[in-house]
PDB file of all heavy atoms in Angstrom:
ATOM      1  N   ASN A   1      20.862   2.618  18.292  1.00  0.00           N
ATOM      2  CA  ASN A   1      20.129   2.010  19.410  1.00  0.00           C
ATOM      3  C   ASN A   1      19.052   2.964  19.949  1.00  0.00           C
ATOM      4  O   ASN A   1      17.923   2.525  20.279  1.00  0.00           O
ATOM      5  CB  ASN A   1      21.126   1.698  20.539  1.00  0.00           C
ATOM      6  CG  ASN A   1      21.985   0.477  20.205  1.00  0.00           C
ATOM      7  OD1 ASN A   1      21.600  -0.341  19.397  1.00  0.00           O
ATOM      8  ND2 ASN A   1      23.141   0.396  20.806  1.00  0.00           N
ATOM      9  N   ILE A   2      19.383   4.253  20.021  1.00  0.00           N
ATOM     10  CA  ILE A   2      18.359   5.252  20.424  1.00  0.00           C
ATOM     11  C   ILE A   2      17.217   5.281  19.435  1.00  0.00           C
ATOM     12  O   ILE A   2      16.030   5.310  19.803  1.00  0.00           O
ATOM     13  CB  ILE A   2      18.996   6.630  20.543  1.00  0.00           C
ATOM     14  CG1 ILE A   2      20.015   6.658  21.706  1.00  0.00           C
ATOM     15  CG2 ILE A   2      17.932   7.712  20.776  1.00  0.00           C
ATOM     16  CD1 ILE A   2      20.830   7.915  21.779  1.00  0.00           C
ATOM     17  N   ASN A   3      17.562   5.220  18.118  1.00  0.00           N
ATOM     18  CA  ASN A   3      16.533   5.173  17.069  1.00  0.00           C
ATOM     19  C   ASN A   3      15.531   4.082  17.316  1.00  0.00           C
ATOM     20  O   ASN A   3      14.305   4.277  17.265  1.00  0.00           O
ATOM     21  CB  ASN A   3      17.188   4.888  15.692  1.00  0.00           C
ATOM     22  CG  ASN A   3      17.737   6.120  15.046  1.00  0.00           C
ATOM     23  OD1 ASN A   3      17.347   7.224  15.384  1.00  0.00           O
ATOM     24  ND2 ASN A   3      18.624   5.936  14.108  1.00  0.00           N
ATOM     25  N   MET A   4      16.039   2.880  17.529  1.00  0.00           N
ATOM     26  CA  MET A   4      15.150   1.712  17.666  1.00  0.00           C
ATOM     27  C   MET A   4      14.280   1.787  18.918  1.00  0.00           C
ATOM     28  O   MET A   4      13.117   1.390  18.889  1.00  0.00           O
ATOM     29  CB  MET A   4      15.995   0.421  17.681  1.00  0.00           C
ATOM     30  CG  MET A   4      16.695   0.109  16.363  1.00  0.00           C
ATOM     31  SD  MET A   4      15.521  -0.110  14.983  1.00  0.00           S
ATOM     32  CE  MET A   4      15.737   1.448  14.134  1.00  0.00           C
ATOM     33  N   ILE A   5      14.833   2.326  20.006  1.00  0.00           N
ATOM     34  CA  ILE A   5      14.040   2.438  21.207  1.00  0.00           C
ATOM     35  C   ILE A   5      12.902   3.436  21.018  1.00  0.00           C
ATOM     36  O   ILE A   5      11.730   3.185  21.366  1.00  0.00           O
ATOM     37  CB  ILE A   5      14.940   2.890  22.398  1.00  0.00           C
ATOM     38  CG1 ILE A   5      15.958   1.778  22.739  1.00  0.00           C
ATOM     39  CG2 ILE A   5      14.118   3.224  23.642  1.00  0.00           C
ATOM     40  CD1 ILE A   5      17.043   2.169  23.719  1.00  0.00           C
ATOM     41  N   VAL A   6      13.210   4.613  20.470  1.00  0.00           N
ATOM     42  CA  VAL A   6      12.200   5.642  20.234  1.00  0.00           C
ATOM     43  C   VAL A   6      11.168   5.145  19.249  1.00  0.00           C
ATOM     44  O   VAL A   6       9.961   5.345  19.410  1.00  0.00           O
ATOM     45  CB  VAL A   6      12.839   6.957  19.768  1.00  0.00           C
ATOM     46  CG1 VAL A   6      11.773   8.008  19.477  1.00  0.00           C
ATOM     47  CG2 VAL A   6      13.811   7.490  20.816  1.00  0.00           C
ATOM     48  N   ALA A   7      11.629   4.481  18.146  1.00  0.00           N
ATOM     49  CA  ALA A   7      10.695   3.971  17.134  1.00  0.00           C
ATOM     50  C   ALA A   7       9.775   2.927  17.758  1.00  0.00           C
ATOM     51  O   ALA A   7       8.559   2.890  17.440  1.00  0.00           O
ATOM     52  CB  ALA A   7      11.478   3.374  15.975  1.00  0.00           C
ATOM     53  N   LEU A   8      10.316   2.049  18.641  1.00  0.00           N
ATOM     54  CA  LEU A   8       9.498   1.034  19.280  1.00  0.00           C
ATOM     55  C   LEU A   8       8.450   1.673  20.164  1.00  0.00           C
ATOM     56  O   LEU A   8       7.268   1.263  20.160  1.00  0.00           O
ATOM     57  CB  LEU A   8      10.376   0.089  20.100  1.00  0.00           C
ATOM     58  CG  LEU A   8       9.650  -1.036  20.835  1.00  0.00           C
ATOM     59  CD1 LEU A   8       8.931  -1.962  19.839  1.00  0.00           C
ATOM     60  CD2 LEU A   8      10.632  -1.839  21.684  1.00  0.00           C
ATOM     61  N   ILE A   9       8.831   2.704  20.899  1.00  0.00           N
ATOM     62  CA  ILE A   9       7.857   3.403  21.764  1.00  0.00           C
ATOM     63  C   ILE A   9       6.735   4.011  20.917  1.00  0.00           C
ATOM     64  O   ILE A   9       5.552   3.886  21.243  1.00  0.00           O
ATOM     65  CB  ILE A   9       8.592   4.520  22.572  1.00  0.00           C
ATOM     66  CG1 ILE A   9       9.536   3.889  23.596  1.00  0.00           C
ATOM     67  CG2 ILE A   9       7.562   5.433  23.290  1.00  0.00           C
ATOM     68  CD1 ILE A   9      10.456   4.881  24.263  1.00  0.00           C
ATOM     69  N   LEU A  10       7.097   4.662  19.828  1.00  0.00           N
ATOM     70  CA  LEU A  10       6.083   5.262  18.959  1.00  0.00           C
ATOM     71  C   LEU A  10       5.172   4.208  18.357  1.00  0.00           C
ATOM     72  O   LEU A  10       3.959   4.385  18.315  1.00  0.00           O
ATOM     73  CB  LEU A  10       6.789   6.051  17.846  1.00  0.00           C
ATOM     74  CG  LEU A  10       5.872   6.839  16.881  1.00  0.00           C
ATOM     75  CD1 LEU A  10       5.087   7.928  17.622  1.00  0.00           C
ATOM     76  CD2 LEU A  10       6.731   7.474  15.760  1.00  0.00           C
ATOM     77  N   LEU A  11       5.744   3.101  17.902  1.00  0.00           N
ATOM     78  CA  LEU A  11       4.978   2.007  17.297  1.00  0.00           C
ATOM     79  C   LEU A  11       3.981   1.408  18.298  1.00  0.00           C
ATOM     80  O   LEU A  11       2.809   1.210  17.980  1.00  0.00           O
ATOM     81  CB  LEU A  11       5.911   0.943  16.756  1.00  0.00           C
ATOM     82  CG  LEU A  11       5.255  -0.339  16.193  1.00  0.00           C
ATOM     83  CD1 LEU A  11       4.490   0.000  14.930  1.00  0.00           C
ATOM     84  CD2 LEU A  11       6.325  -1.382  15.854  1.00  0.00           C
ATOM     85  N   VAL A  12       4.483   1.136  19.513  1.00  0.00           N
ATOM     86  CA  VAL A  12       3.656   0.524  20.521  1.00  0.00           C
ATOM     87  C   VAL A  12       2.502   1.452  20.922  1.00  0.00           C
ATOM     88  O   VAL A  12       1.341   1.009  21.088  1.00  0.00           O
ATOM     89  CB  VAL A  12       4.483   0.146  21.758  1.00  0.00           C
ATOM     90  CG1 VAL A  12       3.577  -0.226  22.938  1.00  0.00           C
ATOM     91  CG2 VAL A  12       5.446  -0.980  21.435  1.00  0.00           C
ATOM     92  N   PHE A  13       2.775   2.751  21.008  1.00  0.00           N
ATOM     93  CA  PHE A  13       1.744   3.668  21.395  1.00  0.00           C
ATOM     94  C   PHE A  13       0.651   3.735  20.343  1.00  0.00           C
ATOM     95  O   PHE A  13      -0.553   3.632  20.643  1.00  0.00           O
ATOM     96  CB  PHE A  13       2.324   5.075  21.612  1.00  0.00           C
ATOM     97  CG  PHE A  13       1.294   6.117  21.974  1.00  0.00           C
ATOM     98  CD1 PHE A  13       0.898   6.266  23.263  1.00  0.00           C
ATOM     99  CD2 PHE A  13       0.700   6.919  20.969  1.00  0.00           C
ATOM    100  CE1 PHE A  13      -0.085   7.212  23.611  1.00  0.00           C
ATOM    101  CE2 PHE A  13      -0.248   7.855  21.284  1.00  0.00           C
ATOM    102  CZ  PHE A  13      -0.664   8.002  22.633  1.00  0.00           C
ATOM    103  N   VAL A  14       1.057   3.899  19.059  1.00  0.00           N
ATOM    104  CA  VAL A  14       0.062   3.986  17.970  1.00  0.00           C
ATOM    105  C   VAL A  14      -0.761   2.689  17.898  1.00  0.00           C
ATOM    106  O   VAL A  14      -1.969   2.716  17.716  1.00  0.00           O
ATOM    107  CB  VAL A  14       0.744   4.273  16.650  1.00  0.00           C
ATOM    108  CG1 VAL A  14      -0.277   4.248  15.487  1.00  0.00           C
ATOM    109  CG2 VAL A  14       1.399   5.686  16.665  1.00  0.00           C
ATOM    110  N   ALA A  15      -0.076   1.544  18.037  1.00  0.00           N
ATOM    111  CA  ALA A  15      -0.775   0.271  17.978  1.00  0.00           C
ATOM    112  C   ALA A  15      -1.734   0.104  19.161  1.00  0.00           C
ATOM    113  O   ALA A  15      -2.858  -0.413  18.986  1.00  0.00           O
ATOM    114  CB  ALA A  15       0.250  -0.884  17.981  1.00  0.00           C
ATOM    115  N   ALA A  16      -1.343   0.592  20.338  1.00  0.00           N
ATOM    116  CA  ALA A  16      -2.194   0.414  21.541  1.00  0.00           C
ATOM    117  C   ALA A  16      -3.461   1.266  21.461  1.00  0.00           C
ATOM    118  O   ALA A  16      -4.533   0.783  21.766  1.00  0.00           O
ATOM    119  CB  ALA A  16      -1.388   0.806  22.783  1.00  0.00           C
ATOM    120  N   VAL A  17      -3.299   2.513  20.994  1.00  0.00           N
ATOM    121  CA  VAL A  17      -4.492   3.398  20.953  1.00  0.00           C
ATOM    122  C   VAL A  17      -5.360   3.105  19.736  1.00  0.00           C
ATOM    123  O   VAL A  17      -6.470   3.603  19.665  1.00  0.00           O
ATOM    124  CB  VAL A  17      -4.087   4.880  21.000  1.00  0.00           C
ATOM    125  CG1 VAL A  17      -3.301   5.229  22.257  1.00  0.00           C
ATOM    126  CG2 VAL A  17      -3.290   5.282  19.750  1.00  0.00           C
ATOM    127  N   SER A  18      -4.836   2.327  18.803  1.00  0.00           N
ATOM    128  CA  SER A  18      -5.641   1.965  17.615  1.00  0.00           C
ATOM    129  C   SER A  18      -5.701   0.458  17.436  1.00  0.00           C
ATOM    130  O   SER A  18      -5.684  -0.056  16.323  1.00  0.00           O
ATOM    131  CB  SER A  18      -5.013   2.588  16.372  1.00  0.00           C
ATOM    132  OG  SER A  18      -4.795   3.968  16.525  1.00  0.00           O
ATOM    133  N   PHE A  19      -5.794  -0.246  18.589  1.00  0.00           N
ATOM    134  CA  PHE A  19      -5.644  -1.703  18.556  1.00  0.00           C
ATOM    135  C   PHE A  19      -6.671  -2.377  17.683  1.00  0.00           C
ATOM    136  O   PHE A  19      -6.384  -3.340  16.970  1.00  0.00           O
ATOM    137  CB  PHE A  19      -5.682  -2.276  19.958  1.00  0.00           C
ATOM    138  CG  PHE A  19      -5.474  -3.756  19.997  1.00  0.00           C
ATOM    139  CD1 PHE A  19      -4.204  -4.296  19.831  1.00  0.00           C
ATOM    140  CD2 PHE A  19      -6.526  -4.636  20.196  1.00  0.00           C
ATOM    141  CE1 PHE A  19      -3.997  -5.649  19.855  1.00  0.00           C
ATOM    142  CE2 PHE A  19      -6.320  -5.995  20.219  1.00  0.00           C
ATOM    143  CZ  PHE A  19      -5.040  -6.529  20.045  1.00  0.00           C
ATOM    144  N   ALA A  20      -7.921  -1.903  17.738  1.00  0.00           N
ATOM    145  CA  ALA A  20      -8.984  -2.537  16.949  1.00  0.00           C
ATOM    146  C   ALA A  20      -8.678  -2.465  15.465  1.00  0.00           C
ATOM    147  O   ALA A  20      -8.986  -3.403  14.699  1.00  0.00           O
ATOM    148  CB  ALA A  20     -10.341  -1.843  17.236  1.00  0.00           C
ATOM    149  N   VAL A  21      -8.047  -1.379  15.025  1.00  0.00           N
ATOM    150  CA  VAL A  21      -7.680  -1.221  13.614  1.00  0.00           C
ATOM    151  C   VAL A  21      -6.414  -2.038  13.307  1.00  0.00           C
ATOM    152  O   VAL A  21      -6.365  -2.809  12.352  1.00  0.00           O
ATOM    153  CB  VAL A  21      -7.458   0.263  13.265  1.00  0.00           C
ATOM    154  CG1 VAL A  21      -6.910   0.395  11.830  1.00  0.00           C
ATOM    155  CG2 VAL A  21      -8.716   1.066  13.427  1.00  0.00           C
ATOM    156  N   VAL A  22      -5.398  -1.879  14.156  1.00  0.00           N
ATOM    157  CA  VAL A  22      -4.100  -2.479  13.881  1.00  0.00           C
ATOM    158  C   VAL A  22      -4.145  -4.018  13.938  1.00  0.00           C
ATOM    159  O   VAL A  22      -3.503  -4.702  13.149  1.00  0.00           O
ATOM    160  CB  VAL A  22      -3.049  -1.951  14.880  1.00  0.00           C
ATOM    161  CG1 VAL A  22      -1.725  -2.692  14.760  1.00  0.00           C
ATOM    162  CG2 VAL A  22      -2.816  -0.459  14.661  1.00  0.00           C
ATOM    163  N   SER A  23      -4.999  -4.567  14.834  1.00  0.00           N
ATOM    164  CA  SER A  23      -5.100  -6.039  14.907  1.00  0.00           C
ATOM    165  C   SER A  23      -5.660  -6.636  13.614  1.00  0.00           C
ATOM    166  O   SER A  23      -5.488  -7.791  13.332  1.00  0.00           O
ATOM    167  CB  SER A  23      -6.042  -6.408  16.084  1.00  0.00           C
ATOM    168  OG  SER A  23      -7.323  -5.861  15.883  1.00  0.00           O
ATOM    169  N   ARG A  24      -6.299  -5.798  12.817  1.00  0.00           N
ATOM    170  CA  ARG A  24      -6.800  -6.228  11.507  1.00  0.00           C
ATOM    171  C   ARG A  24      -5.827  -5.912  10.374  1.00  0.00           C
ATOM    172  O   ARG A  24      -5.632  -6.731   9.481  1.00  0.00           O
ATOM    173  CB  ARG A  24      -8.171  -5.574  11.241  1.00  0.00           C
ATOM    174  CG  ARG A  24      -8.691  -5.708   9.829  1.00  0.00           C
ATOM    175  CD  ARG A  24     -10.063  -5.089   9.654  1.00  0.00           C
ATOM    176  NE  ARG A  24     -10.099  -3.709  10.115  1.00  0.00           N
ATOM    177  CZ  ARG A  24      -9.719  -2.680   9.358  1.00  0.00           C
ATOM    178  NH1 ARG A  24      -9.265  -2.880   8.131  1.00  0.00           N
ATOM    179  NH2 ARG A  24      -9.802  -1.451   9.832  1.00  0.00           N
ATOM    180  N   THR A  25      -5.255  -4.695  10.434  1.00  0.00           N
ATOM    181  CA  THR A  25      -4.457  -4.248   9.290  1.00  0.00           C
ATOM    182  C   THR A  25      -3.064  -4.874   9.214  1.00  0.00           C
ATOM    183  O   THR A  25      -2.507  -5.037   8.096  1.00  0.00           O
ATOM    184  CB  THR A  25      -4.312  -2.731   9.283  1.00  0.00           C
ATOM    185  OG1 THR A  25      -3.730  -2.268  10.533  1.00  0.00           O
ATOM    186  CG2 THR A  25      -5.680  -2.046   9.107  1.00  0.00           C
ATOM    187  N   VAL A  26      -2.467  -5.216  10.336  1.00  0.00           N
ATOM    188  CA  VAL A  26      -1.130  -5.876  10.277  1.00  0.00           C
ATOM    189  C   VAL A  26      -1.235  -7.241   9.608  1.00  0.00           C
ATOM    190  O   VAL A  26      -0.465  -7.518   8.656  1.00  0.00           O
ATOM    191  CB  VAL A  26      -0.487  -5.952  11.676  1.00  0.00           C
ATOM    192  CG1 VAL A  26       0.753  -6.871  11.623  1.00  0.00           C
ATOM    193  CG2 VAL A  26      -0.099  -4.586  12.194  1.00  0.00           C
ATOM    194  N   PRO A  27      -2.174  -8.113   9.997  1.00  0.00           N
ATOM    195  CA  PRO A  27      -2.317  -9.392   9.263  1.00  0.00           C
ATOM    196  C   PRO A  27      -2.691  -9.158   7.805  1.00  0.00           C
ATOM    197  O   PRO A  27      -2.192  -9.858   6.911  1.00  0.00           O
ATOM    198  CB  PRO A  27      -3.429 -10.108   9.995  1.00  0.00           C
ATOM    199  CG  PRO A  27      -3.431  -9.533  11.385  1.00  0.00           C
ATOM    200  CD  PRO A  27      -3.044  -8.098  11.174  1.00  0.00           C
ATOM    201  N   GLU A  28      -3.538  -8.134   7.524  1.00  0.00           N
ATOM    202  CA  GLU A  28      -3.930  -7.869   6.145  1.00  0.00           C
ATOM    203  C   GLU A  28      -2.721  -7.462   5.298  1.00  0.00           C
ATOM    204  O   GLU A  28      -2.601  -7.867   4.121  1.00  0.00           O
ATOM    205  CB  GLU A  28      -4.964  -6.714   6.091  1.00  0.00           C
ATOM    206  CG  GLU A  28      -6.381  -7.162   6.285  1.00  0.00           C
ATOM    207  CD  GLU A  28      -7.353  -5.978   6.123  1.00  0.00           C
ATOM    208  OE1 GLU A  28      -6.878  -4.859   5.778  1.00  0.00           O
ATOM    209  OE2 GLU A  28      -8.541  -6.203   6.312  1.00  0.00           O
ATOM    210  N   THR A  29      -1.797  -6.706   5.915  1.00  0.00           N
ATOM    211  CA  THR A  29      -0.596  -6.258   5.226  1.00  0.00           C
ATOM    212  C   THR A  29       0.241  -7.474   4.811  1.00  0.00           C
ATOM    213  O   THR A  29       0.694  -7.583   3.660  1.00  0.00           O
ATOM    214  CB  THR A  29       0.241  -5.323   6.131  1.00  0.00           C
ATOM    215  OG1 THR A  29      -0.560  -4.179   6.439  1.00  0.00           O
ATOM    216  CG2 THR A  29       1.483  -4.878   5.403  1.00  0.00           C
ATOM    217  N   ILE A  30       0.450  -8.390   5.755  1.00  0.00           N
ATOM    218  CA  ILE A  30       1.296  -9.556   5.481  1.00  0.00           C
ATOM    219  C   ILE A  30       0.622 -10.472   4.445  1.00  0.00           C
ATOM    220  O   ILE A  30       1.263 -10.927   3.494  1.00  0.00           O
ATOM    221  CB  ILE A  30       1.545 -10.342   6.783  1.00  0.00           C
ATOM    222  CG1 ILE A  30       2.341  -9.442   7.782  1.00  0.00           C
ATOM    223  CG2 ILE A  30       2.285 -11.633   6.514  1.00  0.00           C
ATOM    224  CD1 ILE A  30       2.437 -10.015   9.165  1.00  0.00           C
ATOM    225  N   ILE A  31      -0.683 -10.699   4.605  1.00  0.00           N
ATOM    226  CA  ILE A  31      -1.403 -11.596   3.653  1.00  0.00           C
ATOM    227  C   ILE A  31      -1.413 -11.006   2.275  1.00  0.00           C
ATOM    228  O   ILE A  31      -1.162 -11.679   1.262  1.00  0.00           O
ATOM    229  CB  ILE A  31      -2.822 -11.843   4.167  1.00  0.00           C
ATOM    230  CG1 ILE A  31      -2.810 -12.691   5.455  1.00  0.00           C
ATOM    231  CG2 ILE A  31      -3.669 -12.575   3.087  1.00  0.00           C
ATOM    232  CD1 ILE A  31      -4.138 -12.786   6.177  1.00  0.00           C
ATOM    233  N   SER A  32      -1.710  -9.683   2.175  1.00  0.00           N
ATOM    234  CA  SER A  32      -1.743  -9.029   0.868  1.00  0.00           C
ATOM    235  C   SER A  32      -0.365  -9.043   0.209  1.00  0.00           C
ATOM    236  O   SER A  32      -0.255  -9.213  -1.018  1.00  0.00           O
ATOM    237  CB  SER A  32      -2.243  -7.615   1.023  1.00  0.00           C
ATOM    238  OG  SER A  32      -2.282  -6.932  -0.237  1.00  0.00           O
ATOM    239  N   TYR A  33       0.676  -8.863   1.017  1.00  0.00           N
ATOM    240  CA  TYR A  33       2.059  -8.921   0.465  1.00  0.00           C
ATOM    241  C   TYR A  33       2.354 -10.271  -0.114  1.00  0.00           C
ATOM    242  O   TYR A  33       2.858 -10.375  -1.250  1.00  0.00           O
ATOM    243  CB  TYR A  33       3.031  -8.597   1.602  1.00  0.00           C
ATOM    244  CG  TYR A  33       4.489  -8.624   1.225  1.00  0.00           C
ATOM    245  CD1 TYR A  33       4.939  -8.168  -0.023  1.00  0.00           C
ATOM    246  CD2 TYR A  33       5.423  -9.104   2.134  1.00  0.00           C
ATOM    247  CE1 TYR A  33       6.290  -8.224  -0.351  1.00  0.00           C
ATOM    248  CE2 TYR A  33       6.804  -9.117   1.816  1.00  0.00           C
ATOM    249  CZ  TYR A  33       7.191  -8.704   0.562  1.00  0.00           C
ATOM    250  OH  TYR A  33       8.538  -8.738   0.241  1.00  0.00           O
ATOM    251  N   VAL A  34       2.023 -11.355   0.591  1.00  0.00           N
ATOM    252  CA  VAL A  34       2.284 -12.703   0.112  1.00  0.00           C
ATOM    253  C   VAL A  34       1.463 -12.996  -1.124  1.00  0.00           C
ATOM    254  O   VAL A  34       1.944 -13.569  -2.119  1.00  0.00           O
ATOM    255  CB  VAL A  34       1.982 -13.725   1.223  1.00  0.00           C
ATOM    256  CG1 VAL A  34       2.075 -15.145   0.660  1.00  0.00           C
ATOM    257  CG2 VAL A  34       2.939 -13.552   2.377  1.00  0.00           C
ATOM    258  N   GLU A  35       0.188 -12.569  -1.153  1.00  0.00           N
ATOM    259  CA  GLU A  35      -0.709 -12.846  -2.274  1.00  0.00           C
ATOM    260  C   GLU A  35      -0.284 -12.108  -3.549  1.00  0.00           C
ATOM    261  O   GLU A  35      -0.459 -12.621  -4.652  1.00  0.00           O
ATOM    262  CB  GLU A  35      -2.133 -12.442  -1.916  1.00  0.00           C
ATOM    263  CG  GLU A  35      -2.837 -13.345  -0.940  1.00  0.00           C
ATOM    264  CD  GLU A  35      -4.233 -12.874  -0.575  1.00  0.00           C
ATOM    265  OE1 GLU A  35      -4.526 -11.681  -0.869  1.00  0.00           O
ATOM    266  OE2 GLU A  35      -5.010 -13.635  -0.001  1.00  0.00           O
ATOM    267  N   ASN A  36       0.275 -10.921  -3.412  1.00  0.00           N
ATOM    268  CA  ASN A  36       0.507 -10.083  -4.559  1.00  0.00           C
ATOM    269  C   ASN A  36       1.972  -9.940  -4.974  1.00  0.00           C
ATOM    270  O   ASN A  36       2.268  -9.249  -5.949  1.00  0.00           O
ATOM    271  CB  ASN A  36      -0.056  -8.675  -4.280  1.00  0.00           C
ATOM    272  CG  ASN A  36      -1.570  -8.684  -4.218  1.00  0.00           C
ATOM    273  OD1 ASN A  36      -2.254  -8.923  -5.201  1.00  0.00           O
ATOM    274  ND2 ASN A  36      -2.103  -8.466  -3.022  1.00  0.00           N
ATOM    275  N   ILE A  37       2.890 -10.604  -4.238  1.00  0.00           N
ATOM    276  CA  ILE A  37       4.300 -10.406  -4.548  1.00  0.00           C
ATOM    277  C   ILE A  37       4.626 -10.899  -5.951  1.00  0.00           C
ATOM    278  O   ILE A  37       5.426 -10.256  -6.676  1.00  0.00           O
ATOM    279  CB  ILE A  37       5.206 -11.083  -3.473  1.00  0.00           C
ATOM    280  CG1 ILE A  37       6.675 -10.740  -3.752  1.00  0.00           C
ATOM    281  CG2 ILE A  37       5.007 -12.604  -3.460  1.00  0.00           C
ATOM    282  CD1 ILE A  37       7.623 -11.158  -2.608  1.00  0.00           C
ATOM    283  N   ILE A  38       4.032 -11.980  -6.386  1.00  0.00           N
ATOM    284  CA  ILE A  38       4.322 -12.510  -7.742  1.00  0.00           C
ATOM    285  C   ILE A  38       3.685 -11.626  -8.819  1.00  0.00           C
ATOM    286  O   ILE A  38       4.384 -11.236  -9.782  1.00  0.00           O
ATOM    287  CB  ILE A  38       3.885 -13.973  -7.861  1.00  0.00           C
ATOM    288  CG1 ILE A  38       4.777 -14.858  -6.973  1.00  0.00           C
ATOM    289  CG2 ILE A  38       3.991 -14.429  -9.328  1.00  0.00           C
ATOM    290  CD1 ILE A  38       4.446 -16.321  -6.968  1.00  0.00           C
ATOM    291  N   PRO A  39       2.398 -11.285  -8.754  1.00  0.00           N
ATOM    292  CA  PRO A  39       1.835 -10.353  -9.767  1.00  0.00           C
ATOM    293  C   PRO A  39       2.588  -9.025  -9.824  1.00  0.00           C
ATOM    294  O   PRO A  39       2.835  -8.508 -10.924  1.00  0.00           O
ATOM    295  CB  PRO A  39       0.399 -10.163  -9.320  1.00  0.00           C
ATOM    296  CG  PRO A  39       0.067 -11.339  -8.485  1.00  0.00           C
ATOM    297  CD  PRO A  39       1.330 -11.750  -7.813  1.00  0.00           C
ATOM    298  N   LEU A  40       2.988  -8.478  -8.694  1.00  0.00           N
ATOM    299  CA  LEU A  40       3.694  -7.210  -8.688  1.00  0.00           C
ATOM    300  C   LEU A  40       5.134  -7.333  -9.193  1.00  0.00           C
ATOM    301  O   LEU A  40       5.735  -6.364  -9.636  1.00  0.00           O
ATOM    302  CB  LEU A  40       3.723  -6.621  -7.259  1.00  0.00           C
ATOM    303  CG  LEU A  40       2.371  -6.135  -6.713  1.00  0.00           C
ATOM    304  CD1 LEU A  40       2.450  -5.790  -5.252  1.00  0.00           C
ATOM    305  CD2 LEU A  40       1.871  -4.922  -7.502  1.00  0.00           C
ATOM    306  N   SER A  41       5.668  -8.577  -9.167  1.00  0.00           N
ATOM    307  CA  SER A  41       7.046  -8.820  -9.656  1.00  0.00           C
ATOM    308  C   SER A  41       7.098  -9.120 -11.131  1.00  0.00           C
ATOM    309  O   SER A  41       8.193  -9.324 -11.688  1.00  0.00           O
ATOM    310  CB  SER A  41       7.655  -9.994  -8.870  1.00  0.00           C
ATOM    311  OG  SER A  41       7.728  -9.719  -7.505  1.00  0.00           O
TER     312      SER A  41
END
């Protein structure tokens, strides 16, 4: 439980200070994963 709380704090901080980047890269990560899961498999 402590792990998850500390990890969430770290994630939120990095996302907040890099929001312009993260708002683009998180969707890109999900889309690229879906697009490439079959070729990579």
